[in-house]
Each structure stands twice: as structure tokens, then as C-alpha cells.
Amino acid sequence: MLSLYFPEARNAYPNVICYYHHTYKDFTMALHSHKRMEIMYVEYGELTVKYYEDNEKKTLTLFSRDYVVIDADVKHTIIVP
């Protein structure tokens, strides 16, 4: 796991491993996590991110031109109305 909060990450630089672009409508993604951080950007519309922080379920709603950074190994799902 490479967390944003590890001391060794302070002098690190971004290294893009994967990039994708999807347009979703009426979509729910399965709960999952990644070994590296993820940046999600909402080009237009609305997106709800459900994630776990300290074993507590949290919800964040993003709108057009919003983004979120999800740290490594954080379980999350997205819901698009």
C-alpha cells in the first residue's frame, strides 16, 4: 500500500498508473479498494461516493467539476443516479 499519509510519500511525485474515462447513468459500482490512491473527477452531473473511514460508513456527493482523492486501501463504491 502506498498511502498519501506515509512519511516516505512526502518527497514522492505523482506517477499515473491508470487512466480511464467513463460516462455512467443509473449505475452502482461494487465495493472495492485499490493498492494506490485514486482521483475521481466529475465532468458533469452527480456522483455519490460511499466509503469507509475508521470502520464507519461515510457518504460524499460530488457535482460537476468536483473531485475527490481516495487514499490507498480505502473501501469505496460509486453510485450514479
Protein backbone atom coordinates (compact mmCIF):
# COMPACT_ATOMS: atom_id res chain seq x y z
CA MET A 1 0.00 0.00 0.00
CA LEU A 2 1.23 3.49 -0.83
CA SER A 3 -0.72 5.92 1.34
CA LEU A 4 -0.63 9.67 0.91
CA TYR A 5 0.00 9.90 4.63
CA PHE A 6 3.15 7.78 4.90
CA PRO A 7 6.29 9.84 5.65
CA GLU A 8 8.06 8.41 2.58
CA ALA A 9 5.32 9.91 0.38
CA ARG A 10 6.33 13.47 1.28
CA ASN A 11 9.08 13.62 -1.31
CA ALA A 12 7.30 11.45 -3.83
CA TYR A 13 5.90 12.67 -7.11
CA PRO A 14 2.75 11.55 -8.94
CA ASN A 15 3.11 8.50 -11.13
CA VAL A 16 -0.02 7.85 -13.19
CA ILE A 17 -0.60 4.10 -13.35
CA CYS A 18 -4.03 4.03 -14.92
CA TYR A 19 -6.44 6.48 -16.50
CA TYR A 20 -9.96 5.90 -17.75
CA HIS A 21 -12.95 7.96 -18.79
CA HIS A 22 -16.50 6.64 -18.40
CA THR A 23 -19.94 8.13 -18.71
CA TYR A 24 -22.37 6.40 -16.36
CA LYS A 25 -26.14 6.70 -15.91
CA ASP A 26 -28.12 4.73 -13.34
CA PHE A 27 -25.02 2.83 -12.25
CA THR A 28 -23.75 1.33 -8.98
CA MET A 29 -20.19 0.03 -8.71
CA ALA A 30 -19.33 -2.85 -6.40
CA LEU A 31 -17.47 -2.08 -3.17
CA HIS A 32 -13.73 -2.23 -3.84
CA SER A 33 -10.34 -0.72 -2.96
CA HIS A 34 -7.03 -0.06 -4.69
CA LYS A 35 -3.39 -0.51 -3.69
CA ARG A 36 -2.72 3.10 -4.72
CA MET A 37 -4.64 6.35 -4.31
CA GLU A 38 -7.41 7.23 -6.75
CA ILE A 39 -8.53 10.63 -8.01
CA MET A 40 -12.10 10.83 -9.25
CA TYR A 41 -13.34 13.84 -11.23
CA VAL A 42 -16.95 14.56 -12.15
CA GLU A 43 -17.02 16.22 -15.56
CA TYR A 44 -20.77 16.82 -15.38
CA GLY A 45 -23.73 15.53 -13.42
CA GLU A 46 -23.71 13.99 -9.97
CA LEU A 47 -21.89 11.12 -8.28
CA THR A 48 -22.19 9.69 -4.78
CA VAL A 49 -19.15 8.06 -3.21
CA LYS A 50 -19.68 5.75 -0.25
CA TYR A 51 -16.54 4.81 1.65
CA TYR A 52 -15.31 3.56 4.99
CA GLU A 53 -13.23 5.65 7.38
CA ASP A 54 -12.23 4.02 10.68
CA ASN A 55 -14.87 1.30 10.04
CA GLU A 56 -17.57 3.98 9.80
CA LYS A 57 -19.57 4.30 6.57
CA LYS A 58 -19.41 7.80 5.06
CA THR A 59 -21.15 9.37 2.07
CA LEU A 60 -19.92 12.19 -0.16
CA THR A 61 -21.88 13.66 -3.07
CA LEU A 62 -19.94 15.27 -5.90
CA PHE A 63 -21.30 17.56 -8.60
CA SER A 64 -19.99 18.89 -11.92
CA ARG A 65 -16.29 19.85 -11.75
CA ASP A 66 -15.82 18.37 -8.24
CA TYR A 67 -13.13 15.83 -7.46
CA VAL A 68 -12.16 13.55 -4.61
CA VAL A 69 -8.88 11.87 -3.67
CA ILE A 70 -9.34 8.40 -2.18
CA ASP A 71 -6.34 7.02 -0.33
CA ALA A 72 -4.95 3.53 -0.92
CA ASP A 73 -6.86 0.60 0.60
CA VAL A 74 -9.98 2.66 1.36
CA LYS A 75 -13.06 0.59 0.51
CA HIS A 76 -15.45 2.61 -1.63
CA THR A 77 -18.26 2.43 -4.16
CA ILE A 78 -19.85 4.93 -6.52
CA ILE A 79 -23.49 5.49 -7.30
CA VAL A 80 -24.63 7.50 -10.32
CA PRO A 81 -28.32 8.44 -10.50
